[in-house]
Amino acid sequence: MIQAFQIASFFSGPLPKPVRDPEYKRWIKSLPCLACGRNWLVDPCHVGPHGTGQKAGDNTCLPLCRDCHPEFDKGQRAFAAERDWDLVQLIVFHNHLWWLKTGRIVGEKKEKRAA
């Protein structure tokens, strides 16, 4: 009998925890909405899995206003395709801007300087 639903795991343990960076999310909130350009009521929108018990890391956040965010969550690929967006490139771009602004990678802890 063929076991069609058995898939070999590439991981030898639990998946790594998603990146968390409240400072990065605050910065994303300060940017205008990517879809409509509105610069008020902007929230960090996580790109990636949104299922039960799944949450994408903060390093995948993009700025979307509270009107555009629910539309994005209904169908990320369709929303991006309508606007001819490359979501991966947008994420890389915002992560790079953060690195230019702070000198650190999203989720990286600040170094404590000795006094």
PDB file of N, CA and C in Angstrom:
ATOM      1  N   MET A   1       0.844  -1.186   0.000  1.00  0.00           N
ATOM      2  CA  MET A   1       0.000   0.000   0.000  1.00  0.00           C
ATOM      3  C   MET A   1       0.884   1.242   0.000  1.00  0.00           C
ATOM      4  N   ILE A   2       0.570   2.186  -0.855  1.00  0.00           N
ATOM      5  CA  ILE A   2       1.353   3.424  -0.971  1.00  0.00           C
ATOM      6  C   ILE A   2       0.885   4.428   0.072  1.00  0.00           C
ATOM      7  N   GLN A   3       1.830   4.978   0.780  1.00  0.00           N
ATOM      8  CA  GLN A   3       1.538   6.004   1.776  1.00  0.00           C
ATOM      9  C   GLN A   3       1.761   7.372   1.144  1.00  0.00           C
ATOM     10  N   ALA A   4       0.758   7.908   0.474  1.00  0.00           N
ATOM     11  CA  ALA A   4       0.884   9.143  -0.286  1.00  0.00           C
ATOM     12  C   ALA A   4       1.086  10.374   0.597  1.00  0.00           C
ATOM     13  N   PHE A   5       0.671  10.289   1.829  1.00  0.00           N
ATOM     14  CA  PHE A   5       0.732  11.476   2.669  1.00  0.00           C
ATOM     15  C   PHE A   5       1.943  11.516   3.583  1.00  0.00           C
ATOM     16  N   GLN A   6       2.848  10.581   3.413  1.00  0.00           N
ATOM     17  CA  GLN A   6       4.069  10.600   4.202  1.00  0.00           C
ATOM     18  C   GLN A   6       5.112  11.426   3.476  1.00  0.00           C
ATOM     19  N   ILE A   7       5.520  12.501   4.096  1.00  0.00           N
ATOM     20  CA  ILE A   7       6.523  13.385   3.521  1.00  0.00           C
ATOM     21  C   ILE A   7       7.710  13.428   4.461  1.00  0.00           C
ATOM     22  N   ALA A   8       8.887  13.190   3.922  1.00  0.00           N
ATOM     23  CA  ALA A   8      10.100  13.238   4.733  1.00  0.00           C
ATOM     24  C   ALA A   8      10.350  14.664   5.194  1.00  0.00           C
ATOM     25  N   SER A   9      10.683  14.819   6.442  1.00  0.00           N
ATOM     26  CA  SER A   9      10.971  16.130   7.002  1.00  0.00           C
ATOM     27  C   SER A   9      12.429  16.503   6.747  1.00  0.00           C
ATOM     28  N   PHE A  10      12.648  17.752   6.384  1.00  0.00           N
ATOM     29  CA  PHE A  10      14.004  18.253   6.189  1.00  0.00           C
ATOM     30  C   PHE A  10      14.582  18.768   7.501  1.00  0.00           C
ATOM     31  N   PHE A  11      13.759  18.853   8.522  1.00  0.00           N
ATOM     32  CA  PHE A  11      14.186  19.377   9.809  1.00  0.00           C
ATOM     33  C   PHE A  11      14.297  18.230  10.802  1.00  0.00           C
ATOM     34  N   SER A  12      15.290  18.305  11.639  1.00  0.00           N
ATOM     35  CA  SER A  12      15.476  17.239  12.627  1.00  0.00           C
ATOM     36  C   SER A  12      14.971  17.668  14.001  1.00  0.00           C
ATOM     37  N   GLY A  13      14.123  18.643  14.036  1.00  0.00           N
ATOM     38  CA  GLY A  13      13.595  19.121  15.298  1.00  0.00           C
ATOM     39  C   GLY A  13      12.542  20.175  15.046  1.00  0.00           C
ATOM     40  N   PRO A  14      12.172  20.908  16.084  1.00  0.00           N
ATOM     41  CA  PRO A  14      11.161  21.944  15.912  1.00  0.00           C
ATOM     42  C   PRO A  14      11.676  23.076  15.022  1.00  0.00           C
ATOM     43  N   LEU A  15      10.755  23.751  14.347  1.00  0.00           N
ATOM     44  CA  LEU A  15      11.133  24.879  13.500  1.00  0.00           C
ATOM     45  C   LEU A  15      11.669  26.023  14.356  1.00  0.00           C
ATOM     46  N   PRO A  16      12.582  26.815  13.815  1.00  0.00           N
ATOM     47  CA  PRO A  16      13.085  27.946  14.596  1.00  0.00           C
ATOM     48  C   PRO A  16      11.968  28.958  14.840  1.00  0.00           C
ATOM     49  N   LYS A  17      12.081  29.651  15.970  1.00  0.00           N
ATOM     50  CA  LYS A  17      11.070  30.661  16.301  1.00  0.00           C
ATOM     51  C   LYS A  17      11.184  31.837  15.342  1.00  0.00           C
ATOM     52  N   PRO A  18      10.045  32.466  15.019  1.00  0.00           N
ATOM     53  CA  PRO A  18      10.089  33.639  14.145  1.00  0.00           C
ATOM     54  C   PRO A  18      10.849  34.796  14.802  1.00  0.00           C
ATOM     55  N   VAL A  19      11.458  35.627  13.981  1.00  0.00           N
ATOM     56  CA  VAL A  19      12.198  36.800  14.450  1.00  0.00           C
ATOM     57  C   VAL A  19      11.211  37.796  15.049  1.00  0.00           C
ATOM     58  N   ARG A  20      11.536  38.337  16.207  1.00  0.00           N
ATOM     59  CA  ARG A  20      10.712  39.374  16.851  1.00  0.00           C
ATOM     60  C   ARG A  20      11.573  40.613  17.055  1.00  0.00           C
ATOM     61  N   ASP A  21      11.071  41.764  16.615  1.00  0.00           N
ATOM     62  CA  ASP A  21      11.801  43.016  16.765  1.00  0.00           C
ATOM     63  C   ASP A  21      10.792  44.166  16.848  1.00  0.00           C
ATOM     64  N   PRO A  22      10.361  44.531  18.072  1.00  0.00           N
ATOM     65  CA  PRO A  22       9.365  45.592  18.240  1.00  0.00           C
ATOM     66  C   PRO A  22       9.814  46.938  17.668  1.00  0.00           C
ATOM     67  N   GLU A  23      11.121  47.206  17.730  1.00  0.00           N
ATOM     68  CA  GLU A  23      11.643  48.469  17.184  1.00  0.00           C
ATOM     69  C   GLU A  23      11.439  48.547  15.676  1.00  0.00           C
ATOM     70  N   TYR A  24      11.694  47.444  14.996  1.00  0.00           N
ATOM     71  CA  TYR A  24      11.508  47.381  13.541  1.00  0.00           C
ATOM     72  C   TYR A  24      10.034  47.585  13.188  1.00  0.00           C
ATOM     73  N   LYS A  25       9.138  46.958  13.963  1.00  0.00           N
ATOM     74  CA  LYS A  25       7.708  47.124  13.705  1.00  0.00           C
ATOM     75  C   LYS A  25       7.268  48.570  13.913  1.00  0.00           C
ATOM     76  N   ARG A  26       7.817  49.236  14.929  1.00  0.00           N
ATOM     77  CA  ARG A  26       7.490  50.660  15.142  1.00  0.00           C
ATOM     78  C   ARG A  26       7.951  51.494  13.953  1.00  0.00           C
ATOM     79  N   TRP A  27       9.136  51.183  13.438  1.00  0.00           N
ATOM     80  CA  TRP A  27       9.663  51.912  12.284  1.00  0.00           C
ATOM     81  C   TRP A  27       8.784  51.666  11.053  1.00  0.00           C
ATOM     82  N   ILE A  28       8.364  50.419  10.823  1.00  0.00           N
ATOM     83  CA  ILE A  28       7.488  50.097   9.693  1.00  0.00           C
ATOM     84  C   ILE A  28       6.198  50.914   9.792  1.00  0.00           C
ATOM     85  N   LYS A  29       5.664  51.066  11.007  1.00  0.00           N
ATOM     86  CA  LYS A  29       4.430  51.842  11.206  1.00  0.00           C
ATOM     87  C   LYS A  29       4.602  53.314  10.844  1.00  0.00           C
ATOM     88  N   SER A  30       5.831  53.802  10.848  1.00  0.00           N
ATOM     89  CA  SER A  30       6.082  55.214  10.542  1.00  0.00           C
ATOM     90  C   SER A  30       6.135  55.478   9.033  1.00  0.00           C
ATOM     91  N   LEU A  31       6.140  54.420   8.236  1.00  0.00           N
ATOM     92  CA  LEU A  31       6.231  54.554   6.778  1.00  0.00           C
ATOM     93  C   LEU A  31       4.842  54.651   6.163  1.00  0.00           C
ATOM     94  N   PRO A  32       4.722  55.213   4.953  1.00  0.00           N
ATOM     95  CA  PRO A  32       3.420  55.254   4.287  1.00  0.00           C
ATOM     96  C   PRO A  32       3.005  53.875   3.772  1.00  0.00           C
ATOM     97  N   CYS A  33       1.706  53.700   3.599  1.00  0.00           N
ATOM     98  CA  CYS A  33       1.153  52.455   3.078  1.00  0.00           C
ATOM     99  C   CYS A  33       1.703  52.203   1.671  1.00  0.00           C
ATOM    100  N   LEU A  34       2.175  50.991   1.423  1.00  0.00           N
ATOM    101  CA  LEU A  34       2.726  50.654   0.109  1.00  0.00           C
ATOM    102  C   LEU A  34       1.658  50.636  -0.983  1.00  0.00           C
ATOM    103  N   ALA A  35       0.428  50.328  -0.617  1.00  0.00           N
ATOM    104  CA  ALA A  35      -0.630  50.167  -1.615  1.00  0.00           C
ATOM    105  C   ALA A  35      -1.283  51.494  -2.014  1.00  0.00           C
ATOM    106  N   CYS A  36      -1.603  52.332  -1.021  1.00  0.00           N
ATOM    107  CA  CYS A  36      -2.357  53.558  -1.336  1.00  0.00           C
ATOM    108  C   CYS A  36      -1.605  54.843  -0.996  1.00  0.00           C
ATOM    109  N   GLY A  37      -0.497  54.739  -0.253  1.00  0.00           N
ATOM    110  CA  GLY A  37       0.296  55.919   0.069  1.00  0.00           C
ATOM    111  C   GLY A  37      -0.151  56.661   1.312  1.00  0.00           C
ATOM    112  N   ARG A  38      -1.225  56.207   1.941  1.00  0.00           N
ATOM    113  CA  ARG A  38      -1.719  56.862   3.161  1.00  0.00           C
ATOM    114  C   ARG A  38      -0.636  56.793   4.236  1.00  0.00           C
ATOM    115  N   ASN A  39      -0.478  57.869   4.990  1.00  0.00           N
ATOM    116  CA  ASN A  39       0.565  57.871   6.020  1.00  0.00           C
ATOM    117  C   ASN A  39      -0.006  57.927   7.434  1.00  0.00           C
ATOM    118  N   TRP A  40      -1.273  57.589   7.598  1.00  0.00           N
ATOM    119  CA  TRP A  40      -1.864  57.497   8.923  1.00  0.00           C
ATOM    120  C   TRP A  40      -2.543  56.131   9.061  1.00  0.00           C
ATOM    121  N   LEU A  41      -2.631  55.643  10.284  1.00  0.00           N
ATOM    122  CA  LEU A  41      -3.189  54.330  10.588  1.00  0.00           C
ATOM    123  C   LEU A  41      -2.521  53.220   9.775  1.00  0.00           C
ATOM    124  N   VAL A  42      -1.191  53.259   9.736  1.00  0.00           N
ATOM    125  CA  VAL A  42      -0.406  52.243   9.039  1.00  0.00           C
ATOM    126  C   VAL A  42       0.036  51.194  10.060  1.00  0.00           C
ATOM    127  N   ASP A  43      -0.106  49.939   9.697  1.00  0.00           N
ATOM    128  CA  ASP A  43       0.280  48.833  10.571  1.00  0.00           C
ATOM    129  C   ASP A  43       1.309  47.956   9.875  1.00  0.00           C
ATOM    130  N   PRO A  44       2.145  47.262  10.657  1.00  0.00           N
ATOM    131  CA  PRO A  44       3.069  46.294  10.053  1.00  0.00           C
ATOM    132  C   PRO A  44       2.285  45.050   9.626  1.00  0.00           C
ATOM    133  N   CYS A  45       2.364  44.718   8.367  1.00  0.00           N
ATOM    134  CA  CYS A  45       1.649  43.587   7.797  1.00  0.00           C
ATOM    135  C   CYS A  45       2.646  42.452   7.561  1.00  0.00           C
ATOM    136  N   HIS A  46       2.433  41.321   8.233  1.00  0.00           N
ATOM    137  CA  HIS A  46       3.337  40.182   8.097  1.00  0.00           C
ATOM    138  C   HIS A  46       3.054  39.434   6.800  1.00  0.00           C
ATOM    139  N   VAL A  47       4.094  39.190   6.041  1.00  0.00           N
ATOM    140  CA  VAL A  47       3.995  38.418   4.803  1.00  0.00           C
ATOM    141  C   VAL A  47       4.399  36.992   5.137  1.00  0.00           C
ATOM    142  N   GLY A  48       3.614  36.044   4.725  1.00  0.00           N
ATOM    143  CA  GLY A  48       3.936  34.644   4.990  1.00  0.00           C
ATOM    144  C   GLY A  48       2.778  33.917   5.610  1.00  0.00           C
ATOM    145  N   PRO A  49       3.058  32.810   6.303  1.00  0.00           N
ATOM    146  CA  PRO A  49       1.979  31.974   6.832  1.00  0.00           C
ATOM    147  C   PRO A  49       1.125  32.708   7.858  1.00  0.00           C
ATOM    148  N   HIS A  50      -0.181  32.503   7.759  1.00  0.00           N
ATOM    149  CA  HIS A  50      -1.130  33.113   8.697  1.00  0.00           C
ATOM    150  C   HIS A  50      -2.102  32.082   9.261  1.00  0.00           C
ATOM    151  N   GLY A  51      -1.731  30.811   9.202  1.00  0.00           N
ATOM    152  CA  GLY A  51      -2.619  29.754   9.677  1.00  0.00           C
ATOM    153  C   GLY A  51      -2.655  29.684  11.195  1.00  0.00           C
ATOM    154  N   THR A  52      -3.429  28.751  11.693  1.00  0.00           N
ATOM    155  CA  THR A  52      -3.528  28.544  13.130  1.00  0.00           C
ATOM    156  C   THR A  52      -2.157  28.166  13.682  1.00  0.00           C
ATOM    157  N   GLY A  53      -1.711  28.925  14.653  1.00  0.00           N
ATOM    158  CA  GLY A  53      -0.422  28.656  15.268  1.00  0.00           C
ATOM    159  C   GLY A  53       0.774  29.073  14.431  1.00  0.00           C
ATOM    160  N   GLN A  54       0.518  29.737  13.326  1.00  0.00           N
ATOM    161  CA  GLN A  54       1.603  30.201  12.465  1.00  0.00           C
ATOM    162  C   GLN A  54       1.641  31.720  12.472  1.00  0.00           C
ATOM    163  N   LYS A  55       2.829  32.259  12.527  1.00  0.00           N
ATOM    164  CA  LYS A  55       3.004  33.704  12.452  1.00  0.00           C
ATOM    165  C   LYS A  55       4.350  33.967  11.802  1.00  0.00           C
ATOM    166  N   ALA A  56       4.353  34.787  10.796  1.00  0.00           N
ATOM    167  CA  ALA A  56       5.594  35.133  10.120  1.00  0.00           C
ATOM    168  C   ALA A  56       6.433  36.016  11.036  1.00  0.00           C
ATOM    169  N   GLY A  57       7.729  36.016  10.826  1.00  0.00           N
ATOM    170  CA  GLY A  57       8.629  36.839  11.618  1.00  0.00           C
ATOM    171  C   GLY A  57       8.472  38.324  11.305  1.00  0.00           C
ATOM    172  N   ASP A  58       8.921  39.155  12.247  1.00  0.00           N
ATOM    173  CA  ASP A  58       8.831  40.601  12.066  1.00  0.00           C
ATOM    174  C   ASP A  58       9.705  41.088  10.911  1.00  0.00           C
ATOM    175  N   ASN A  59      10.693  40.296  10.520  1.00  0.00           N
ATOM    176  CA  ASN A  59      11.553  40.703   9.411  1.00  0.00           C
ATOM    177  C   ASN A  59      10.843  40.610   8.064  1.00  0.00           C
ATOM    178  N   THR A  60       9.591  40.135   8.052  1.00  0.00           N
ATOM    179  CA  THR A  60       8.813  40.080   6.814  1.00  0.00           C
ATOM    180  C   THR A  60       7.698  41.120   6.778  1.00  0.00           C
ATOM    181  N   CYS A  61       7.724  42.081   7.698  1.00  0.00           N
ATOM    182  CA  CYS A  61       6.669  43.099   7.760  1.00  0.00           C
ATOM    183  C   CYS A  61       6.787  44.117   6.634  1.00  0.00           C
ATOM    184  N   LEU A  62       5.629  44.519   6.131  1.00  0.00           N
ATOM    185  CA  LEU A  62       5.534  45.614   5.164  1.00  0.00           C
ATOM    186  C   LEU A  62       4.494  46.604   5.675  1.00  0.00           C
ATOM    187  N   PRO A  63       4.638  47.892   5.365  1.00  0.00           N
ATOM    188  CA  PRO A  63       3.664  48.877   5.843  1.00  0.00           C
ATOM    189  C   PRO A  63       2.401  48.904   4.975  1.00  0.00           C
ATOM    190  N   LEU A  64       1.260  48.613   5.599  1.00  0.00           N
ATOM    191  CA  LEU A  64      -0.038  48.710   4.933  1.00  0.00           C
ATOM    192  C   LEU A  64      -1.026  49.375   5.885  1.00  0.00           C
ATOM    193  N   CYS A  65      -1.881  50.229   5.342  1.00  0.00           N
ATOM    194  CA  CYS A  65      -2.864  50.923   6.178  1.00  0.00           C
ATOM    195  C   CYS A  65      -3.968  49.950   6.598  1.00  0.00           C
ATOM    196  N   ARG A  66      -4.833  50.397   7.476  1.00  0.00           N
ATOM    197  CA  ARG A  66      -5.870  49.523   8.015  1.00  0.00           C
ATOM    198  C   ARG A  66      -6.973  49.207   7.009  1.00  0.00           C
ATOM    199  N   ASP A  67      -7.017  49.916   5.884  1.00  0.00           N
ATOM    200  CA  ASP A  67      -7.955  49.565   4.815  1.00  0.00           C
ATOM    201  C   ASP A  67      -7.351  48.516   3.885  1.00  0.00           C
ATOM    202  N   CYS A  68      -6.070  48.635   3.597  1.00  0.00           N
ATOM    203  CA  CYS A  68      -5.401  47.729   2.657  1.00  0.00           C
ATOM    204  C   CYS A  68      -4.973  46.416   3.318  1.00  0.00           C
ATOM    205  N   HIS A  69      -4.671  46.457   4.605  1.00  0.00           N
ATOM    206  CA  HIS A  69      -4.179  45.277   5.317  1.00  0.00           C
ATOM    207  C   HIS A  69      -5.159  44.091   5.244  1.00  0.00           C
ATOM    208  N   PRO A  70      -6.457  44.293   5.533  1.00  0.00           N
ATOM    209  CA  PRO A  70      -7.380  43.147   5.436  1.00  0.00           C
ATOM    210  C   PRO A  70      -7.484  42.582   4.021  1.00  0.00           C
ATOM    211  N   GLU A  71      -7.414  43.445   3.025  1.00  0.00           N
ATOM    212  CA  GLU A  71      -7.444  42.974   1.635  1.00  0.00           C
ATOM    213  C   GLU A  71      -6.225  42.115   1.333  1.00  0.00           C
ATOM    214  N   PHE A  72      -5.071  42.527   1.843  1.00  0.00           N
ATOM    215  CA  PHE A  72      -3.835  41.769   1.662  1.00  0.00           C
ATOM    216  C   PHE A  72      -3.956  40.401   2.326  1.00  0.00           C
ATOM    217  N   ASP A  73      -4.512  40.369   3.545  1.00  0.00           N
ATOM    218  CA  ASP A  73      -4.629  39.115   4.285  1.00  0.00           C
ATOM    219  C   ASP A  73      -5.594  38.133   3.626  1.00  0.00           C
ATOM    220  N   LYS A  74      -6.561  38.627   2.849  1.00  0.00           N
ATOM    221  CA  LYS A  74      -7.499  37.739   2.145  1.00  0.00           C
ATOM    222  C   LYS A  74      -6.780  36.903   1.094  1.00  0.00           C
ATOM    223  N   GLY A  75      -5.781  37.486   0.448  1.00  0.00           N
ATOM    224  CA  GLY A  75      -5.030  36.772  -0.577  1.00  0.00           C
ATOM    225  C   GLY A  75      -3.771  37.527  -0.934  1.00  0.00           C
ATOM    226  N   GLN A  76      -2.675  37.144  -0.292  1.00  0.00           N
ATOM    227  CA  GLN A  76      -1.410  37.864  -0.461  1.00  0.00           C
ATOM    228  C   GLN A  76      -0.939  37.861  -1.911  1.00  0.00           C
ATOM    229  N   ARG A  77      -0.974  36.697  -2.541  1.00  0.00           N
ATOM    230  CA  ARG A  77      -0.461  36.601  -3.917  1.00  0.00           C
ATOM    231  C   ARG A  77      -1.296  37.413  -4.886  1.00  0.00           C
ATOM    232  N   ALA A  78      -2.616  37.352  -4.749  1.00  0.00           N
ATOM    233  CA  ALA A  78      -3.493  38.102  -5.653  1.00  0.00           C
ATOM    234  C   ALA A  78      -3.316  39.607  -5.443  1.00  0.00           C
ATOM    235  N   PHE A  79      -3.226  40.028  -4.185  1.00  0.00           N
ATOM    236  CA  PHE A  79      -3.040  41.449  -3.860  1.00  0.00           C
ATOM    237  C   PHE A  79      -1.743  41.964  -4.469  1.00  0.00           C
ATOM    238  N   ALA A  80      -0.677  41.179  -4.332  1.00  0.00           N
ATOM    239  CA  ALA A  80       0.627  41.566  -4.879  1.00  0.00           C
ATOM    240  C   ALA A  80       0.607  41.549  -6.404  1.00  0.00           C
ATOM    241  N   ALA A  81      -0.052  40.570  -6.987  1.00  0.00           N
ATOM    242  CA  ALA A  81      -0.105  40.467  -8.449  1.00  0.00           C
ATOM    243  C   ALA A  81      -0.859  41.643  -9.071  1.00  0.00           C
ATOM    244  N   GLU A  82      -1.939  42.085  -8.416  1.00  0.00           N
ATOM    245  CA  GLU A  82      -2.704  43.239  -8.913  1.00  0.00           C
ATOM    246  C   GLU A  82      -1.841  44.493  -8.999  1.00  0.00           C
ATOM    247  N   ARG A  83      -0.887  44.599  -8.099  1.00  0.00           N
ATOM    248  CA  ARG A  83      -0.036  45.785  -8.039  1.00  0.00           C
ATOM    249  C   ARG A  83       1.344  45.553  -8.646  1.00  0.00           C
ATOM    250  N   ASP A  84       1.550  44.373  -9.211  1.00  0.00           N
ATOM    251  CA  ASP A  84       2.820  43.995  -9.833  1.00  0.00           C
ATOM    252  C   ASP A  84       3.974  44.118  -8.831  1.00  0.00           C
ATOM    253  N   TRP A  85       3.759  43.606  -7.623  1.00  0.00           N
ATOM    254  CA  TRP A  85       4.757  43.634  -6.567  1.00  0.00           C
ATOM    255  C   TRP A  85       5.540  42.333  -6.548  1.00  0.00           C
ATOM    256  N   ASP A  86       6.806  42.430  -6.207  1.00  0.00           N
ATOM    257  CA  ASP A  86       7.628  41.268  -5.886  1.00  0.00           C
ATOM    258  C   ASP A  86       7.811  41.339  -4.370  1.00  0.00           C
ATOM    259  N   LEU A  87       7.038  40.540  -3.643  1.00  0.00           N
ATOM    260  CA  LEU A  87       7.036  40.621  -2.179  1.00  0.00           C
ATOM    261  C   LEU A  87       8.415  40.366  -1.577  1.00  0.00           C
ATOM    262  N   VAL A  88       9.145  39.420  -2.133  1.00  0.00           N
ATOM    263  CA  VAL A  88      10.481  39.123  -1.602  1.00  0.00           C
ATOM    264  C   VAL A  88      11.379  40.350  -1.729  1.00  0.00           C
ATOM    265  N   GLN A  89      11.355  40.987  -2.876  1.00  0.00           N
ATOM    266  CA  GLN A  89      12.194  42.178  -3.077  1.00  0.00           C
ATOM    267  C   GLN A  89      11.763  43.331  -2.168  1.00  0.00           C
ATOM    268  N   LEU A  90      10.465  43.487  -1.934  1.00  0.00           N
ATOM    269  CA  LEU A  90       9.993  44.532  -1.016  1.00  0.00           C
ATOM    270  C   LEU A  90      10.488  44.273   0.409  1.00  0.00           C
ATOM    271  N   ILE A  91      10.457  43.018   0.822  1.00  0.00           N
ATOM    272  CA  ILE A  91      10.939  42.673   2.164  1.00  0.00           C
ATOM    273  C   ILE A  91      12.437  42.924   2.267  1.00  0.00           C
ATOM    274  N   VAL A  92      13.181  42.485   1.272  1.00  0.00           N
ATOM    275  CA  VAL A  92      14.637  42.695   1.267  1.00  0.00           C
ATOM    276  C   VAL A  92      14.943  44.193   1.287  1.00  0.00           C
ATOM    277  N   PHE A  93      14.207  44.974   0.504  1.00  0.00           N
ATOM    278  CA  PHE A  93      14.412  46.424   0.450  1.00  0.00           C
ATOM    279  C   PHE A  93      14.189  47.071   1.813  1.00  0.00           C
ATOM    280  N   HIS A  94      13.079  46.721   2.485  1.00  0.00           N
ATOM    281  CA  HIS A  94      12.795  47.314   3.795  1.00  0.00           C
ATOM    282  C   HIS A  94      13.799  46.863   4.854  1.00  0.00           C
ATOM    283  N   ASN A  95      14.222  45.599   4.781  1.00  0.00           N
ATOM    284  CA  ASN A  95      15.253  45.123   5.709  1.00  0.00           C
ATOM    285  C   ASN A  95      16.562  45.870   5.488  1.00  0.00           C
ATOM    286  N   HIS A  96      16.879  46.153   4.230  1.00  0.00           N
ATOM    287  CA  HIS A  96      18.109  46.888   3.917  1.00  0.00           C
ATOM    288  C   HIS A  96      18.015  48.338   4.405  1.00  0.00           C
ATOM    289  N   LEU A  97      16.864  48.971   4.228  1.00  0.00           N
ATOM    290  CA  LEU A  97      16.690  50.336   4.747  1.00  0.00           C
ATOM    291  C   LEU A  97      16.885  50.366   6.265  1.00  0.00           C
ATOM    292  N   TRP A  98      16.364  49.343   6.946  1.00  0.00           N
ATOM    293  CA  TRP A  98      16.534  49.248   8.404  1.00  0.00           C
ATOM    294  C   TRP A  98      18.009  49.125   8.762  1.00  0.00           C
ATOM    295  N   TRP A  99      18.725  48.296   8.001  1.00  0.00           N
ATOM    296  CA  TRP A  99      20.154  48.129   8.257  1.00  0.00           C
ATOM    297  C   TRP A  99      20.897  49.443   8.035  1.00  0.00           C
ATOM    298  N   LEU A 100      20.545  50.194   6.984  1.00  0.00           N
ATOM    299  CA  LEU A 100      21.178  51.494   6.737  1.00  0.00           C
ATOM    300  C   LEU A 100      20.878  52.473   7.867  1.00  0.00           C
ATOM    301  N   LYS A 101      19.637  52.418   8.386  1.00  0.00           N
ATOM    302  CA  LYS A 101      19.228  53.340   9.447  1.00  0.00           C
ATOM    303  C   LYS A 101      19.879  53.008  10.787  1.00  0.00           C
ATOM    304  N   THR A 102      19.957  51.717  11.130  1.00  0.00           N
ATOM    305  CA  THR A 102      20.396  51.325  12.472  1.00  0.00           C
ATOM    306  C   THR A 102      21.750  50.634  12.515  1.00  0.00           C
ATOM    307  N   GLY A 103      22.197  50.112  11.392  1.00  0.00           N
ATOM    308  CA  GLY A 103      23.443  49.367  11.372  1.00  0.00           C
ATOM    309  C   GLY A 103      23.310  47.950  11.911  1.00  0.00           C
ATOM    310  N   ARG A 104      22.077  47.461  12.040  1.00  0.00           N
ATOM    311  CA  ARG A 104      21.878  46.100  12.518  1.00  0.00           C
ATOM    312  C   ARG A 104      20.799  45.396  11.710  1.00  0.00           C
ATOM    313  N   ILE A 105      20.851  44.092  11.755  1.00  0.00           N
ATOM    314  CA  ILE A 105      19.887  43.254  11.052  1.00  0.00           C
ATOM    315  C   ILE A 105      18.613  43.177  11.884  1.00  0.00           C
ATOM    316  N   VAL A 106      17.468  43.038  11.216  1.00  0.00           N
ATOM    317  CA  VAL A 106      16.194  42.911  11.922  1.00  0.00           C
ATOM    318  C   VAL A 106      16.262  41.732  12.873  1.00  0.00           C
ATOM    319  N   GLY A 107      15.900  41.965  14.138  1.00  0.00           N
ATOM    320  CA  GLY A 107      15.913  40.919  15.154  1.00  0.00           C
ATOM    321  C   GLY A 107      17.224  40.804  15.901  1.00  0.00           C
ATOM    322  N   GLU A 108      18.260  41.471  15.417  1.00  0.00           N
ATOM    323  CA  GLU A 108      19.562  41.430  16.078  1.00  0.00           C
ATOM    324  C   GLU A 108      19.515  42.317  17.315  1.00  0.00           C
ATOM    325  N   LYS A 109      20.022  41.810  18.402  1.00  0.00           N
ATOM    326  CA  LYS A 109      20.027  42.579  19.652  1.00  0.00           C
ATOM    327  C   LYS A 109      21.068  43.680  19.582  1.00  0.00           C
ATOM    328  N   LYS A 110      20.744  44.810  20.239  1.00  0.00           N
ATOM    329  CA  LYS A 110      21.708  45.904  20.323  1.00  0.00           C
ATOM    330  C   LYS A 110      22.863  45.468  21.213  1.00  0.00           C
ATOM    331  N   GLU A 111      24.054  45.900  20.812  1.00  0.00           N
ATOM    332  CA  GLU A 111      25.221  45.606  21.632  1.00  0.00           C
ATOM    333  C   GLU A 111      25.253  46.573  22.817  1.00  0.00           C
ATOM    334  N   LYS A 112      25.527  46.033  23.976  1.00  0.00           N
ATOM    335  CA  LYS A 112      25.669  46.884  25.158  1.00  0.00           C
ATOM    336  C   LYS A 112      27.097  47.390  25.193  1.00  0.00           C
ATOM    337  N   ARG A 113      27.230  48.691  25.271  1.00  0.00           N
ATOM    338  CA  ARG A 113      28.562  49.288  25.276  1.00  0.00           C
ATOM    339  C   ARG A 113      29.047  49.466  26.714  1.00  0.00           C
ATOM    340  N   ALA A 114      30.294  49.136  26.917  1.00  0.00           N
ATOM    341  CA  ALA A 114      30.887  49.300  28.248  1.00  0.00           C
ATOM    342  C   ALA A 114      31.136  50.771  28.519  1.00  0.00           C
ATOM    343  N   ALA A 115      30.830  51.183  29.724  1.00  0.00           N
ATOM    344  CA  ALA A 115      30.998  52.600  30.083  1.00  0.00           C
ATOM    345  C   ALA A 115      32.399  52.888  30.535  1.00  0.00           C
TER     346      ALA A 115
END
